[in-house]
């Protein structure tokens, strides 16, 4: 049984992504684009937060809903990284690393969602 949300690989990998996003948004160019900086930070933080919040859900189905939101936030973060690349806020190698981290987070979340639904009984849905 899950003791802490910090034990979840999805949360650990999301945390790595958030830290990297904060590093790139400290740069002089990105830090001046306040709207972009705020949006990419919020999207990445949303991944971690929804995993943590969902882990305290009363049912597996409810937890899966939070994980779905986290996965959407991962996709949003990845989309925003394309903007960062196109605007030359980050070099292509950094873009590739961060995009791969988004994909990794999404894959782990997908696996966790699958597991939750596969192990959910009818009673869990009530």
N, C-alpha and C. Protein backbone atom coordinates (compact mmCIF):
# COMPACT_ATOMS: atom_id res chain seq x y z
N UNK A 1 0.84 -1.19 0.00
CA UNK A 1 0.00 0.00 0.00
C UNK A 1 0.88 1.24 0.00
N UNK A 2 0.41 2.28 -0.68
CA UNK A 2 1.14 3.54 -0.78
C UNK A 2 1.19 4.24 0.58
N UNK A 3 2.39 4.58 1.00
CA UNK A 3 2.54 5.28 2.27
C UNK A 3 2.54 6.79 2.05
N UNK A 4 3.27 7.23 1.07
CA UNK A 4 3.41 8.66 0.79
C UNK A 4 3.42 8.88 -0.72
N UNK A 5 2.89 10.00 -1.15
CA UNK A 5 2.93 10.31 -2.59
C UNK A 5 4.36 10.45 -3.08
N UNK A 6 5.27 10.79 -2.17
CA UNK A 6 6.67 10.94 -2.55
C UNK A 6 7.32 9.61 -2.90
N UNK A 7 6.62 8.50 -2.63
CA UNK A 7 7.12 7.18 -3.01
C UNK A 7 6.82 6.85 -4.47
N UNK A 8 5.93 7.60 -5.10
CA UNK A 8 5.51 7.30 -6.47
C UNK A 8 6.57 7.76 -7.48
N UNK A 9 6.94 6.86 -8.38
CA UNK A 9 7.90 7.21 -9.43
C UNK A 9 7.39 8.35 -10.29
N UNK A 10 6.09 8.37 -10.55
CA UNK A 10 5.51 9.45 -11.37
C UNK A 10 5.78 10.80 -10.71
N UNK A 11 5.59 10.88 -9.39
CA UNK A 11 5.82 12.14 -8.69
C UNK A 11 7.31 12.50 -8.69
N UNK A 12 8.16 11.51 -8.47
CA UNK A 12 9.61 11.75 -8.46
C UNK A 12 10.10 12.29 -9.80
N UNK A 13 9.62 11.69 -10.89
CA UNK A 13 10.03 12.14 -12.22
C UNK A 13 9.43 13.51 -12.55
N UNK A 14 8.21 13.76 -12.11
CA UNK A 14 7.60 15.07 -12.30
C UNK A 14 8.40 16.14 -11.54
N UNK A 15 8.87 15.79 -10.38
CA UNK A 15 9.68 16.73 -9.58
C UNK A 15 10.95 17.11 -10.33
N UNK A 16 11.59 16.12 -10.96
CA UNK A 16 12.79 16.40 -11.76
C UNK A 16 12.46 17.38 -12.89
N UNK A 17 11.33 17.13 -13.54
CA UNK A 17 10.91 18.00 -14.63
C UNK A 17 10.67 19.43 -14.14
N UNK A 18 9.97 19.57 -13.03
CA UNK A 18 9.69 20.91 -12.47
C UNK A 18 10.99 21.64 -12.18
N UNK A 19 11.94 20.96 -11.59
CA UNK A 19 13.21 21.61 -11.27
C UNK A 19 13.93 22.08 -12.52
N UNK A 20 13.87 21.29 -13.58
CA UNK A 20 14.50 21.69 -14.84
C UNK A 20 13.77 22.87 -15.48
N UNK A 21 12.45 22.86 -15.39
CA UNK A 21 11.66 23.98 -15.92
C UNK A 21 12.01 25.27 -15.17
N UNK A 22 12.13 25.19 -13.87
CA UNK A 22 12.49 26.38 -13.09
C UNK A 22 13.89 26.87 -13.46
N UNK A 23 14.79 25.95 -13.77
CA UNK A 23 16.14 26.36 -14.17
C UNK A 23 16.11 27.15 -15.47
N UNK A 24 15.34 26.66 -16.45
CA UNK A 24 15.33 27.37 -17.74
C UNK A 24 14.59 28.69 -17.65
N UNK A 25 13.66 28.81 -16.73
CA UNK A 25 12.91 30.07 -16.63
C UNK A 25 13.62 31.12 -15.79
N UNK A 26 14.76 30.76 -15.23
CA UNK A 26 15.58 31.75 -14.52
C UNK A 26 16.47 32.53 -15.48
N UNK A 27 16.58 32.02 -16.70
CA UNK A 27 17.42 32.69 -17.69
C UNK A 27 16.91 34.07 -18.01
N UNK A 28 17.81 34.93 -18.40
CA UNK A 28 17.49 36.34 -18.63
C UNK A 28 16.39 36.53 -19.68
N UNK A 29 16.46 35.80 -20.78
CA UNK A 29 15.48 35.99 -21.86
C UNK A 29 14.10 35.49 -21.43
N UNK A 30 14.04 34.27 -20.91
CA UNK A 30 12.75 33.68 -20.53
C UNK A 30 12.12 34.44 -19.38
N UNK A 31 12.93 34.87 -18.42
CA UNK A 31 12.37 35.54 -17.24
C UNK A 31 11.65 36.85 -17.60
N UNK A 32 11.96 37.42 -18.76
CA UNK A 32 11.30 38.66 -19.19
C UNK A 32 9.95 38.39 -19.86
N UNK A 33 9.74 37.17 -20.32
CA UNK A 33 8.45 36.80 -20.93
C UNK A 33 7.58 36.24 -19.81
N UNK A 34 7.00 37.14 -19.05
CA UNK A 34 6.29 36.76 -17.82
C UNK A 34 5.14 35.80 -18.07
N UNK A 35 4.38 36.02 -19.12
CA UNK A 35 3.25 35.14 -19.41
C UNK A 35 3.70 33.73 -19.69
N UNK A 36 4.73 33.58 -20.52
CA UNK A 36 5.25 32.26 -20.85
C UNK A 36 5.86 31.59 -19.62
N UNK A 37 6.68 32.35 -18.91
CA UNK A 37 7.34 31.82 -17.70
C UNK A 37 6.31 31.30 -16.71
N UNK A 38 5.29 32.09 -16.46
CA UNK A 38 4.24 31.69 -15.52
C UNK A 38 3.51 30.44 -16.00
N UNK A 39 3.17 30.39 -17.29
CA UNK A 39 2.39 29.27 -17.82
C UNK A 39 3.16 27.96 -17.77
N UNK A 40 4.41 27.97 -18.17
CA UNK A 40 5.17 26.72 -18.19
C UNK A 40 5.48 26.25 -16.76
N UNK A 41 5.72 27.19 -15.86
CA UNK A 41 5.92 26.80 -14.47
C UNK A 41 4.65 26.21 -13.89
N UNK A 42 3.52 26.86 -14.12
CA UNK A 42 2.24 26.38 -13.58
C UNK A 42 1.88 25.01 -14.15
N UNK A 43 2.10 24.82 -15.44
CA UNK A 43 1.77 23.54 -16.07
C UNK A 43 2.61 22.42 -15.47
N UNK A 44 3.90 22.65 -15.30
CA UNK A 44 4.76 21.60 -14.76
C UNK A 44 4.44 21.33 -13.28
N UNK A 45 4.20 22.37 -12.52
CA UNK A 45 3.84 22.20 -11.10
C UNK A 45 2.53 21.44 -10.97
N UNK A 46 1.63 21.66 -11.90
CA UNK A 46 0.34 20.97 -11.89
C UNK A 46 0.51 19.45 -11.99
N UNK A 47 1.53 19.01 -12.69
CA UNK A 47 1.77 17.57 -12.81
C UNK A 47 2.03 17.00 -11.41
N UNK A 48 3.01 17.57 -10.74
CA UNK A 48 3.37 17.11 -9.39
C UNK A 48 2.19 17.21 -8.43
N UNK A 49 1.52 18.34 -8.46
CA UNK A 49 0.44 18.61 -7.51
C UNK A 49 -0.72 17.64 -7.68
N UNK A 50 -1.09 17.36 -8.92
CA UNK A 50 -2.22 16.45 -9.15
C UNK A 50 -1.88 15.01 -8.79
N UNK A 51 -0.64 14.61 -8.97
CA UNK A 51 -0.23 13.28 -8.53
C UNK A 51 -0.33 13.20 -7.01
N UNK A 52 0.18 14.21 -6.34
CA UNK A 52 0.14 14.24 -4.87
C UNK A 52 -1.29 14.28 -4.36
N UNK A 53 -2.09 15.18 -4.92
CA UNK A 53 -3.47 15.32 -4.46
C UNK A 53 -4.27 14.05 -4.73
N UNK A 54 -4.09 13.47 -5.88
CA UNK A 54 -4.83 12.27 -6.24
C UNK A 54 -4.47 11.07 -5.38
N UNK A 55 -3.24 11.03 -4.91
CA UNK A 55 -2.82 9.89 -4.10
C UNK A 55 -3.59 9.80 -2.78
N UNK A 56 -4.21 10.91 -2.38
CA UNK A 56 -5.01 10.93 -1.16
C UNK A 56 -6.50 10.71 -1.45
N UNK A 57 -6.82 10.39 -2.69
CA UNK A 57 -8.22 10.18 -3.07
C UNK A 57 -8.79 8.97 -2.34
N UNK A 58 -10.11 8.96 -2.24
CA UNK A 58 -10.79 7.88 -1.52
C UNK A 58 -10.96 6.62 -2.36
N UNK A 59 -10.80 6.74 -3.67
CA UNK A 59 -10.97 5.56 -4.52
C UNK A 59 -9.91 5.57 -5.63
N UNK A 60 -9.70 4.42 -6.23
CA UNK A 60 -8.76 4.30 -7.34
C UNK A 60 -9.25 5.10 -8.54
N UNK A 61 -10.55 5.10 -8.75
CA UNK A 61 -11.12 5.84 -9.88
C UNK A 61 -10.87 7.33 -9.72
N UNK A 62 -11.06 7.84 -8.51
CA UNK A 62 -10.80 9.25 -8.24
C UNK A 62 -9.32 9.58 -8.43
N UNK A 63 -8.45 8.70 -7.95
CA UNK A 63 -7.00 8.89 -8.13
C UNK A 63 -6.68 8.93 -9.62
N UNK A 64 -7.29 8.05 -10.40
CA UNK A 64 -7.04 8.01 -11.84
C UNK A 64 -7.47 9.32 -12.51
N UNK A 65 -8.53 9.93 -12.02
CA UNK A 65 -8.96 11.23 -12.57
C UNK A 65 -7.89 12.30 -12.35
N UNK A 66 -7.32 12.33 -11.16
CA UNK A 66 -6.24 13.29 -10.89
C UNK A 66 -5.02 13.00 -11.77
N UNK A 67 -4.73 11.72 -11.96
CA UNK A 67 -3.60 11.35 -12.82
C UNK A 67 -3.84 11.77 -14.26
N UNK A 68 -5.08 11.71 -14.70
CA UNK A 68 -5.41 12.15 -16.05
C UNK A 68 -5.14 13.64 -16.20
N UNK A 69 -5.47 14.41 -15.18
CA UNK A 69 -5.18 15.85 -15.19
C UNK A 69 -3.67 16.07 -15.21
N UNK A 70 -2.95 15.29 -14.43
CA UNK A 70 -1.49 15.39 -14.41
C UNK A 70 -0.91 15.10 -15.80
N UNK A 71 -1.45 14.08 -16.47
CA UNK A 71 -0.97 13.74 -17.81
C UNK A 71 -1.26 14.88 -18.79
N UNK A 72 -2.42 15.50 -18.66
CA UNK A 72 -2.75 16.65 -19.52
C UNK A 72 -1.77 17.79 -19.29
N UNK A 73 -1.42 18.01 -18.03
CA UNK A 73 -0.46 19.07 -17.71
C UNK A 73 0.92 18.75 -18.27
N UNK A 74 1.26 17.48 -18.31
CA UNK A 74 2.53 17.07 -18.92
C UNK A 74 2.51 17.38 -20.41
N UNK A 75 1.39 17.11 -21.06
CA UNK A 75 1.26 17.44 -22.49
C UNK A 75 1.34 18.95 -22.71
N UNK A 76 0.71 19.71 -21.81
CA UNK A 76 0.77 21.17 -21.92
C UNK A 76 2.21 21.65 -21.77
N UNK A 77 2.92 21.09 -20.81
CA UNK A 77 4.33 21.46 -20.60
C UNK A 77 5.14 21.16 -21.85
N UNK A 78 4.90 20.00 -22.42
CA UNK A 78 5.63 19.62 -23.63
C UNK A 78 5.31 20.59 -24.78
N UNK A 79 4.07 20.97 -24.92
CA UNK A 79 3.69 21.93 -25.97
C UNK A 79 4.38 23.27 -25.75
N UNK A 80 4.43 23.70 -24.51
CA UNK A 80 5.09 24.97 -24.19
C UNK A 80 6.59 24.91 -24.47
N UNK A 81 7.17 23.73 -24.34
CA UNK A 81 8.59 23.59 -24.67
C UNK A 81 8.85 23.85 -26.15
N UNK A 82 7.87 23.52 -27.00
CA UNK A 82 8.02 23.85 -28.42
C UNK A 82 8.09 25.36 -28.62
N UNK A 83 7.30 26.10 -27.85
CA UNK A 83 7.36 27.55 -27.92
C UNK A 83 8.73 28.04 -27.47
N UNK A 84 9.21 27.46 -26.38
CA UNK A 84 10.54 27.84 -25.87
C UNK A 84 11.62 27.60 -26.93
N UNK A 85 11.50 26.49 -27.64
CA UNK A 85 12.47 26.19 -28.70
C UNK A 85 12.31 27.17 -29.86
N UNK A 86 11.07 27.35 -30.31
CA UNK A 86 10.82 28.23 -31.45
C UNK A 86 11.23 29.67 -31.19
N UNK A 87 11.08 30.12 -29.95
CA UNK A 87 11.46 31.49 -29.59
C UNK A 87 12.93 31.60 -29.20
N UNK A 88 13.62 30.50 -29.32
CA UNK A 88 15.06 30.44 -29.00
C UNK A 88 15.35 30.73 -27.54
N UNK A 89 14.39 30.37 -26.67
CA UNK A 89 14.61 30.49 -25.23
C UNK A 89 15.52 29.39 -24.72
N UNK A 90 15.46 28.24 -25.39
CA UNK A 90 16.30 27.10 -25.00
C UNK A 90 16.91 26.49 -26.25
N UNK A 91 18.11 25.91 -26.12
CA UNK A 91 18.71 25.23 -27.27
C UNK A 91 18.03 23.88 -27.53
N UNK A 92 18.24 23.36 -28.71
CA UNK A 92 17.57 22.13 -29.12
C UNK A 92 17.92 20.94 -28.20
N UNK A 93 19.16 20.85 -27.73
CA UNK A 93 19.52 19.73 -26.86
C UNK A 93 18.75 19.78 -25.54
N UNK A 94 18.55 20.96 -24.99
CA UNK A 94 17.77 21.12 -23.75
C UNK A 94 16.30 20.80 -24.03
N UNK A 95 15.80 21.25 -25.16
CA UNK A 95 14.43 20.94 -25.57
C UNK A 95 14.25 19.42 -25.64
N UNK A 96 15.18 18.73 -26.26
CA UNK A 96 15.09 17.27 -26.40
C UNK A 96 15.08 16.58 -25.05
N UNK A 97 15.94 17.01 -24.15
CA UNK A 97 15.99 16.42 -22.81
C UNK A 97 14.69 16.64 -22.04
N UNK A 98 14.17 17.85 -22.09
CA UNK A 98 12.95 18.17 -21.35
C UNK A 98 11.73 17.50 -21.98
N UNK A 99 11.71 17.41 -23.29
CA UNK A 99 10.62 16.72 -23.96
C UNK A 99 10.63 15.24 -23.59
N UNK A 100 11.80 14.65 -23.56
CA UNK A 100 11.90 13.24 -23.17
C UNK A 100 11.45 13.03 -21.72
N UNK A 101 11.73 13.99 -20.86
CA UNK A 101 11.28 13.90 -19.47
C UNK A 101 9.76 13.98 -19.40
N UNK A 102 9.17 14.85 -20.20
CA UNK A 102 7.69 14.93 -20.25
C UNK A 102 7.10 13.60 -20.72
N UNK A 103 7.70 13.03 -21.73
CA UNK A 103 7.22 11.75 -22.25
C UNK A 103 7.36 10.66 -21.19
N UNK A 104 8.48 10.65 -20.51
CA UNK A 104 8.71 9.66 -19.45
C UNK A 104 7.65 9.80 -18.35
N UNK A 105 7.40 11.01 -17.92
CA UNK A 105 6.40 11.25 -16.88
C UNK A 105 5.04 10.76 -17.35
N UNK A 106 4.67 11.10 -18.58
CA UNK A 106 3.37 10.68 -19.12
C UNK A 106 3.26 9.16 -19.20
N UNK A 107 4.33 8.50 -19.59
CA UNK A 107 4.31 7.04 -19.68
C UNK A 107 4.13 6.39 -18.32
N UNK A 108 4.81 6.92 -17.32
CA UNK A 108 4.66 6.39 -15.96
C UNK A 108 3.23 6.62 -15.46
N UNK A 109 2.71 7.81 -15.72
CA UNK A 109 1.33 8.12 -15.33
C UNK A 109 0.36 7.18 -16.03
N UNK A 110 0.56 6.96 -17.34
CA UNK A 110 -0.30 6.04 -18.09
C UNK A 110 -0.29 4.65 -17.48
N UNK A 111 0.88 4.18 -17.11
CA UNK A 111 0.99 2.86 -16.48
C UNK A 111 0.25 2.81 -15.16
N UNK A 112 0.35 3.86 -14.39
CA UNK A 112 -0.33 3.91 -13.10
C UNK A 112 -1.84 3.96 -13.28
N UNK A 113 -2.31 4.72 -14.25
CA UNK A 113 -3.75 4.78 -14.54
C UNK A 113 -4.24 3.38 -14.95
N UNK A 114 -3.50 2.75 -15.84
CA UNK A 114 -3.87 1.39 -16.28
C UNK A 114 -3.95 0.44 -15.10
N UNK A 115 -2.95 0.49 -14.24
CA UNK A 115 -2.93 -0.37 -13.05
C UNK A 115 -4.14 -0.11 -12.17
N UNK A 116 -4.46 1.16 -11.95
CA UNK A 116 -5.60 1.50 -11.09
C UNK A 116 -6.89 0.94 -11.65
N UNK A 117 -7.09 1.08 -12.95
CA UNK A 117 -8.34 0.58 -13.55
C UNK A 117 -8.38 -0.95 -13.59
N UNK A 118 -7.22 -1.57 -13.80
CA UNK A 118 -7.18 -3.03 -13.84
C UNK A 118 -7.45 -3.64 -12.47
N UNK A 119 -7.15 -2.91 -11.42
CA UNK A 119 -7.32 -3.45 -10.06
C UNK A 119 -8.52 -2.86 -9.34
N UNK A 120 -9.38 -2.18 -10.09
CA UNK A 120 -10.57 -1.55 -9.52
C UNK A 120 -11.75 -2.51 -9.57
N UNK A 121 -12.39 -2.67 -8.45
CA UNK A 121 -13.62 -3.48 -8.40
C UNK A 121 -14.83 -2.56 -8.59
N UNK A 122 -15.97 -3.14 -8.82
CA UNK A 122 -17.20 -2.34 -8.95
C UNK A 122 -17.44 -1.50 -7.70
N UNK A 123 -17.10 -2.03 -6.55
CA UNK A 123 -17.31 -1.32 -5.29
C UNK A 123 -16.47 -0.04 -5.23
N UNK A 124 -15.29 -0.06 -5.86
CA UNK A 124 -14.42 1.12 -5.87
C UNK A 124 -15.05 2.28 -6.64
N UNK A 125 -15.94 1.99 -7.56
CA UNK A 125 -16.58 3.03 -8.38
C UNK A 125 -17.73 3.71 -7.65
N UNK A 126 -18.18 3.17 -6.56
CA UNK A 126 -19.34 3.71 -5.85
C UNK A 126 -18.96 4.82 -4.90
